[in-house]
Amino acid sequence: MNVTEYLQRINYSGDVAPTSSNLRKICVAHMLAVPYENLDVFGGPPITIDLPKLFEKIVKQRRGGFNFELNRMFSWLLQNLGYQVSLYKADVYNMKRDAFTYTQPALVVTVDDGSKYFTDIAFTCGTSLTEPLNFEYLTEQAQKHGIFRLRECGKTSFYFELKWFHVVDSTGEVNPARDIEFCFGESKYRSKGWIILYKVSMDRQCTWDEMIPELEKVLSNNENWVTRNTICAINRGSSVTVLWGKYLIQKYIREDQQRGDNLTVSRTFMELSDFPAILEIVRCVFGMKSFTREFTPIAEDITTRPIVIY
């Protein structure tokens, strides 16, 4: 495995010294170059967090991956560039159930001046962080695709949260989601106006070997969205492109709508007619030109309910 080759994969040629500024630049470069995708879950090679196999897939074959794969590979890159990376377990929140339903990795990165940042280059389709978050509780941090914050929940845990938003669909119709309680009911965990993405427990650091059983649980559970939907997603800076089953979705937030209580997300849907059209999108739009395997696109309906993760 080669750091230089990885940096070429994400089109990054800048300074790599472990500073906060460089960490932000590297995170942005990664988000713009490497798609989130879970296509191997559906009939592909076994999912693994073995580093040489991930390097072959993500760097050599120019594929993407989902949470476990991308964060595993990214943590290796940062450590080899001199950053201190701490791995913790994160429990993913399910809005419908008001419960935490499965566990995934979460990274906290320390730079040269001792500052800590929360990073995630691979959470969801459009609500992933474009940049690291300052490790400050209850500070609203606006990025291109949402307003985020960390909220303390106990001495050693915190919630990673996204501010609730309005939606404008492809017809231009505004679909205000009113409030979370109206859409999903009351919650034991949520704070008014905020969506919990997951809860991070920092009572102790984990090893990647300890994450293997959690990966196996995710892959064996047919109730989570990773195993129920074929997904590709890529951050384009001003927009996010998502292939959700047979739907191609474009999502963006206007610059003048990134702050305040009335955050508005604009989105367009296009239903793809057949598998050749889907494969062309996978290869050309998401840059996975080596991908040739046929798969059955599947997805939960996202056209008739409030968008949260897509």
Protein backbone atom coordinates (compact mmCIF):
# COMPACT_ATOMS: atom_id res chain seq x y z
CA MET A 1 0.00 0.00 0.00
CA ASN A 2 1.26 3.42 -0.94
CA VAL A 3 0.30 6.80 0.53
CA THR A 4 1.27 8.68 -2.62
CA GLU A 5 -1.03 6.48 -4.70
CA TYR A 6 -3.88 7.07 -2.25
CA LEU A 7 -3.39 10.85 -2.44
CA GLN A 8 -3.44 10.61 -6.23
CA ARG A 9 -6.70 8.66 -5.96
CA ILE A 10 -8.32 11.59 -4.14
CA ASN A 11 -6.67 14.18 -6.41
CA TYR A 12 -4.77 15.77 -3.52
CA SER A 13 -1.34 17.31 -4.11
CA GLY A 14 -1.19 19.82 -1.27
CA ASP A 15 0.60 19.93 2.06
CA VAL A 16 -0.04 16.88 4.25
CA ALA A 17 1.45 18.03 7.58
CA PRO A 18 -0.96 17.21 10.45
CA THR A 19 -2.59 20.63 10.81
CA SER A 20 -6.27 21.50 11.08
CA SER A 21 -6.17 23.33 7.74
CA ASN A 22 -4.65 20.35 5.94
CA LEU A 23 -7.07 17.92 7.58
CA ARG A 24 -9.98 19.93 6.19
CA LYS A 25 -8.46 19.98 2.70
CA ILE A 26 -7.79 16.22 2.72
CA CYS A 27 -11.33 15.46 3.95
CA VAL A 28 -12.86 17.62 1.22
CA ALA A 29 -10.68 16.00 -1.45
CA HIS A 30 -11.72 12.54 -0.27
CA MET A 31 -15.42 13.40 -0.26
CA LEU A 32 -15.23 14.79 -3.80
CA ALA A 33 -13.32 11.81 -5.23
CA VAL A 34 -14.48 8.63 -3.48
CA PRO A 35 -18.16 7.63 -3.58
CA TYR A 36 -20.15 6.07 -0.81
CA GLU A 37 -21.45 2.78 -2.23
CA ASN A 38 -22.62 -0.57 -0.93
CA LEU A 39 -23.00 -2.54 -4.17
CA ASP A 40 -20.80 -5.41 -2.96
CA VAL A 41 -23.39 -6.11 -0.25
CA PHE A 42 -25.65 -7.35 -3.07
CA GLY A 43 -23.89 -10.33 -4.61
CA GLY A 44 -20.36 -8.95 -4.73
CA PRO A 45 -17.14 -10.09 -3.05
CA PRO A 46 -17.32 -10.46 0.75
CA ILE A 47 -17.19 -7.14 2.60
CA THR A 48 -13.96 -6.83 4.60
CA ILE A 49 -11.94 -4.24 6.50
CA ASP A 50 -8.67 -5.95 5.58
CA LEU A 51 -6.43 -3.06 4.53
CA PRO A 52 -4.70 -4.58 1.46
CA LYS A 53 -8.07 -5.67 0.06
CA LEU A 54 -9.57 -2.25 0.73
CA PHE A 55 -6.60 -0.55 -0.93
CA GLU A 56 -7.07 -2.73 -4.00
CA LYS A 57 -10.78 -1.91 -4.15
CA ILE A 58 -10.81 1.80 -3.33
CA VAL A 59 -7.46 2.97 -4.68
CA LYS A 60 -6.50 0.52 -7.43
CA GLN A 61 -9.97 -0.22 -8.79
CA ARG A 62 -11.24 3.31 -8.01
CA ARG A 63 -14.34 1.99 -6.27
CA GLY A 64 -16.01 3.39 -3.19
CA GLY A 65 -17.29 1.69 -0.07
CA PHE A 66 -19.59 2.12 2.89
CA ASN A 67 -18.94 3.27 6.44
CA PHE A 68 -16.68 0.50 7.68
CA GLU A 69 -14.64 0.33 4.49
CA LEU A 70 -14.10 4.04 3.85
CA ASN A 71 -13.38 5.05 7.43
CA ARG A 72 -10.99 2.12 7.83
CA MET A 73 -9.04 3.16 4.75
CA PHE A 74 -9.14 6.87 5.61
CA SER A 75 -7.87 6.27 9.15
CA TRP A 76 -4.89 4.39 7.67
CA LEU A 77 -4.13 7.34 5.39
CA LEU A 78 -4.31 9.91 8.18
CA GLN A 79 -2.15 7.85 10.53
CA ASN A 80 0.49 7.48 7.84
CA LEU A 81 0.45 11.25 7.33
CA GLY A 82 1.17 11.83 11.04
CA TYR A 83 -2.31 12.48 12.41
CA GLN A 84 -3.44 10.87 15.65
CA VAL A 85 -6.63 8.93 14.95
CA SER A 86 -8.86 7.54 17.70
CA LEU A 87 -11.50 4.93 16.85
CA TYR A 88 -14.79 4.73 18.76
CA LYS A 89 -18.07 2.89 18.41
CA ALA A 90 -21.06 4.85 17.12
CA ASP A 91 -24.67 3.67 17.48
CA VAL A 92 -26.76 4.69 14.47
CA TYR A 93 -30.14 6.24 15.22
CA ASN A 94 -33.37 5.03 13.57
CA MET A 95 -35.95 7.83 13.30
CA LYS A 96 -38.94 5.53 12.85
CA ARG A 97 -38.16 3.42 15.90
CA ASP A 98 -36.64 6.16 18.05
CA ALA A 99 -33.88 3.68 18.81
CA PHE A 100 -30.24 2.97 18.09
CA THR A 101 -30.21 -0.05 15.80
CA TYR A 102 -26.64 -0.87 14.79
CA THR A 103 -23.02 0.12 15.43
CA GLN A 104 -20.42 1.57 13.09
CA PRO A 105 -16.96 3.19 13.42
CA ALA A 106 -16.41 6.85 14.32
CA LEU A 107 -13.13 8.75 14.07
CA VAL A 108 -11.76 11.56 16.25
CA VAL A 109 -8.59 13.12 14.81
CA THR A 110 -5.99 15.10 16.75
CA VAL A 111 -3.77 17.56 14.86
CA ASP A 112 -0.34 18.98 15.68
CA ASP A 113 -1.55 21.70 18.08
CA GLY A 114 -3.61 19.23 20.12
CA SER A 115 -6.99 20.27 18.69
CA LYS A 116 -9.50 17.48 18.15
CA TYR A 117 -11.90 17.08 15.25
CA PHE A 118 -14.76 14.73 14.57
CA THR A 119 -14.58 13.33 11.03
CA ASP A 120 -16.77 11.08 8.95
CA ILE A 121 -16.23 10.74 5.21
CA ALA A 122 -18.81 7.99 4.77
CA PHE A 123 -21.98 8.27 6.81
CA THR A 124 -25.03 8.88 4.65
CA CYS A 125 -26.13 9.95 1.22
CA GLY A 126 -26.03 13.70 1.35
CA THR A 127 -25.72 14.37 5.07
CA SER A 128 -22.09 13.34 5.35
CA LEU A 129 -19.71 15.96 6.64
CA THR A 130 -17.86 17.80 3.91
CA GLU A 131 -15.28 18.91 6.48
CA PRO A 132 -14.34 17.85 10.01
CA LEU A 133 -16.34 19.26 12.91
CA ASN A 134 -14.63 21.24 15.64
CA PHE A 135 -14.91 19.21 18.82
CA GLU A 136 -17.17 21.71 20.57
CA TYR A 137 -20.51 20.76 22.08
CA LEU A 138 -23.69 22.61 20.97
CA THR A 139 -21.82 24.79 18.46
CA GLU A 140 -23.76 24.98 15.19
CA GLN A 141 -21.34 24.35 12.33
CA ALA A 142 -22.70 25.15 8.85
CA GLN A 143 -21.35 23.23 5.88
CA LYS A 144 -22.45 23.06 2.25
CA HIS A 145 -25.01 20.31 2.81
CA GLY A 146 -26.36 21.00 6.25
CA ILE A 147 -25.89 22.46 9.69
CA PHE A 148 -24.32 20.06 12.17
CA ARG A 149 -23.43 19.95 15.84
CA LEU A 150 -22.22 17.65 18.61
CA ARG A 151 -24.42 17.39 21.71
CA GLU A 152 -23.12 15.87 24.93
CA CYS A 153 -25.17 13.00 26.37
CA GLY A 154 -23.40 11.78 29.46
CA LYS A 155 -19.84 12.07 30.66
CA THR A 156 -18.29 10.06 27.82
CA SER A 157 -20.82 10.17 24.96
CA PHE A 158 -22.19 12.63 22.43
CA TYR A 159 -24.79 12.80 19.67
CA PHE A 160 -23.82 13.76 16.13
CA GLU A 161 -26.77 15.81 14.88
CA LEU A 162 -28.14 17.44 11.73
CA LYS A 163 -30.48 20.42 11.82
CA TRP A 164 -34.01 19.77 10.49
CA PHE A 165 -34.75 21.24 7.07
CA HIS A 166 -37.41 21.96 4.46
CA VAL A 167 -37.51 20.24 1.08
CA VAL A 168 -38.18 21.61 -2.41
CA ASP A 169 -38.98 18.83 -4.88
CA SER A 170 -38.38 18.69 -8.63
CA THR A 171 -41.64 20.54 -9.36
CA GLY A 172 -40.54 23.49 -7.24
CA GLU A 173 -43.14 22.71 -4.58
CA VAL A 174 -42.00 23.46 -1.04
CA ASN A 175 -42.63 20.58 1.33
CA PRO A 176 -41.99 21.95 4.80
CA ALA A 177 -41.42 19.02 7.07
CA ARG A 178 -43.18 21.00 9.82
CA ASP A 179 -41.27 19.48 12.68
CA ILE A 180 -39.70 16.16 13.52
CA GLU A 181 -42.34 15.34 16.11
CA PHE A 182 -45.12 15.71 13.54
CA CYS A 183 -43.35 13.37 11.11
CA PHE A 184 -41.95 10.79 13.49
CA GLY A 185 -43.59 11.26 16.88
CA GLU A 186 -42.11 12.18 20.23
CA SER A 187 -38.61 11.04 21.12
CA LYS A 188 -36.71 9.97 24.20
CA TYR A 189 -33.47 11.20 22.62
CA ARG A 190 -33.94 14.02 20.11
CA SER A 191 -33.58 17.70 20.83
CA LYS A 192 -36.25 19.86 19.18
CA GLY A 193 -35.34 20.80 15.62
CA TRP A 194 -32.43 18.37 15.33
CA ILE A 195 -32.01 14.91 13.77
CA ILE A 196 -29.72 12.48 15.59
CA LEU A 197 -27.48 10.68 13.12
CA TYR A 198 -25.67 8.58 15.70
CA LYS A 199 -24.36 8.43 19.24
CA VAL A 200 -20.62 8.09 19.88
CA SER A 201 -19.35 6.44 23.05
CA MET A 202 -15.90 7.65 24.08
CA ASP A 203 -15.46 5.68 27.29
CA ARG A 204 -12.65 3.79 25.58
CA GLN A 205 -10.97 3.57 22.20
CA CYS A 206 -11.60 0.52 20.04
CA THR A 207 -9.44 -1.49 17.70
CA TRP A 208 -10.46 -2.34 14.16
CA ASP A 209 -10.50 -6.02 15.11
CA GLU A 210 -13.24 -5.15 17.61
CA MET A 211 -15.26 -3.63 14.76
CA ILE A 212 -15.37 -6.89 12.78
CA PRO A 213 -18.27 -8.38 14.82
CA GLU A 214 -20.17 -5.10 14.41
CA LEU A 215 -19.65 -5.27 10.64
CA GLU A 216 -20.95 -8.84 10.62
CA LYS A 217 -24.04 -7.75 12.56
CA VAL A 218 -24.77 -5.01 10.03
CA LEU A 219 -24.41 -7.37 7.07
CA SER A 220 -26.60 -10.05 8.65
CA ASN A 221 -29.38 -7.62 9.62
CA ASN A 222 -31.98 -7.17 6.89
CA GLU A 223 -33.68 -4.36 8.81
CA ASN A 224 -31.05 -1.65 8.30
CA TRP A 225 -30.88 0.61 5.26
CA VAL A 226 -27.40 -0.64 4.24
CA THR A 227 -28.78 -4.10 3.46
CA ARG A 228 -32.19 -2.96 2.16
CA ASN A 229 -31.07 -0.48 -0.51
CA THR A 230 -28.51 -0.39 -3.31
CA ILE A 231 -26.79 2.98 -2.97
CA CYS A 232 -24.12 5.11 -4.59
CA ALA A 233 -23.53 8.71 -3.49
CA ILE A 234 -20.92 11.32 -4.31
CA ASN A 235 -20.36 14.84 -3.01
CA ARG A 236 -19.94 17.38 -5.82
CA GLY A 237 -19.18 20.39 -3.65
CA SER A 238 -22.29 22.42 -4.40
CA SER A 239 -24.48 19.33 -4.71
CA VAL A 240 -24.81 15.65 -3.84
CA THR A 241 -25.67 12.99 -6.41
CA VAL A 242 -27.30 9.80 -5.14
CA LEU A 243 -28.28 6.60 -6.92
CA TRP A 244 -30.92 5.06 -4.66
CA GLY A 245 -32.13 1.83 -6.22
CA LYS A 246 -33.32 2.90 -9.66
CA TYR A 247 -33.69 6.57 -8.70
CA LEU A 248 -31.07 9.16 -9.53
CA ILE A 249 -31.35 12.03 -7.05
CA GLN A 250 -29.70 15.43 -7.13
CA LYS A 251 -29.67 17.42 -3.90
CA TYR A 252 -28.31 20.85 -3.06
CA ILE A 253 -28.62 23.69 -0.56
CA ARG A 254 -28.33 27.25 -1.84
CA GLU A 255 -25.61 29.39 -0.30
CA ASP A 256 -28.16 31.86 1.10
CA GLN A 257 -30.11 29.04 2.76
CA GLN A 258 -27.35 27.44 4.81
CA ARG A 259 -28.04 29.28 8.03
CA GLY A 260 -31.06 29.94 10.17
CA ASP A 261 -34.16 27.98 11.09
CA ASN A 262 -35.56 27.66 7.55
CA LEU A 263 -32.84 25.61 5.90
CA THR A 264 -34.15 24.44 2.52
CA VAL A 265 -32.95 21.40 0.60
CA SER A 266 -33.67 21.26 -3.14
CA ARG A 267 -33.84 17.88 -4.86
CA THR A 268 -34.71 16.33 -8.19
CA PHE A 269 -35.64 12.71 -8.96
CA MET A 270 -35.17 10.75 -12.16
CA GLU A 271 -36.26 7.13 -12.47
CA LEU A 272 -33.85 5.09 -14.59
CA SER A 273 -35.48 2.78 -17.10
CA ASP A 274 -33.27 -0.34 -17.09
CA PHE A 275 -30.07 -1.87 -15.76
CA PRO A 276 -27.81 -0.70 -18.64
CA ALA A 277 -28.80 2.88 -17.75
CA ILE A 278 -28.04 2.23 -14.08
CA LEU A 279 -24.66 0.65 -14.91
CA GLU A 280 -23.77 3.63 -17.08
CA ILE A 281 -24.51 5.96 -14.16
CA VAL A 282 -22.41 3.83 -11.78
CA ARG A 283 -19.46 3.84 -14.18
CA CYS A 284 -19.60 7.41 -15.46
CA VAL A 285 -21.28 9.57 -12.81
CA PHE A 286 -19.66 7.83 -9.83
CA GLY A 287 -16.36 7.14 -11.59
CA MET A 288 -16.36 3.38 -11.00
CA LYS A 289 -15.28 2.44 -14.54
CA SER A 290 -14.00 -0.98 -13.45
CA PHE A 291 -17.46 -2.00 -12.23
CA THR A 292 -19.19 -4.40 -14.64
CA ARG A 293 -21.14 -6.79 -12.41
CA GLU A 294 -24.91 -7.00 -12.79
CA PHE A 295 -27.04 -6.46 -9.68
CA THR A 296 -30.71 -5.93 -8.91
CA PRO A 297 -31.35 -2.32 -7.82
CA ILE A 298 -33.55 -2.26 -4.74
CA ALA A 299 -34.69 0.59 -2.52
CA GLU A 300 -37.25 1.63 0.04
CA ASP A 301 -39.71 4.23 -1.19
CA ILE A 302 -38.36 7.72 -0.58
CA THR A 303 -40.75 9.67 -2.81
CA THR A 304 -43.66 9.88 -0.37
CA ARG A 305 -42.07 10.70 2.96
CA PRO A 306 -39.73 13.35 4.42
CA ILE A 307 -36.12 13.06 3.32
CA VAL A 308 -33.78 12.52 6.24
CA ILE A 309 -30.74 10.58 5.06
CA TYR A 310 -30.89 10.79 1.31
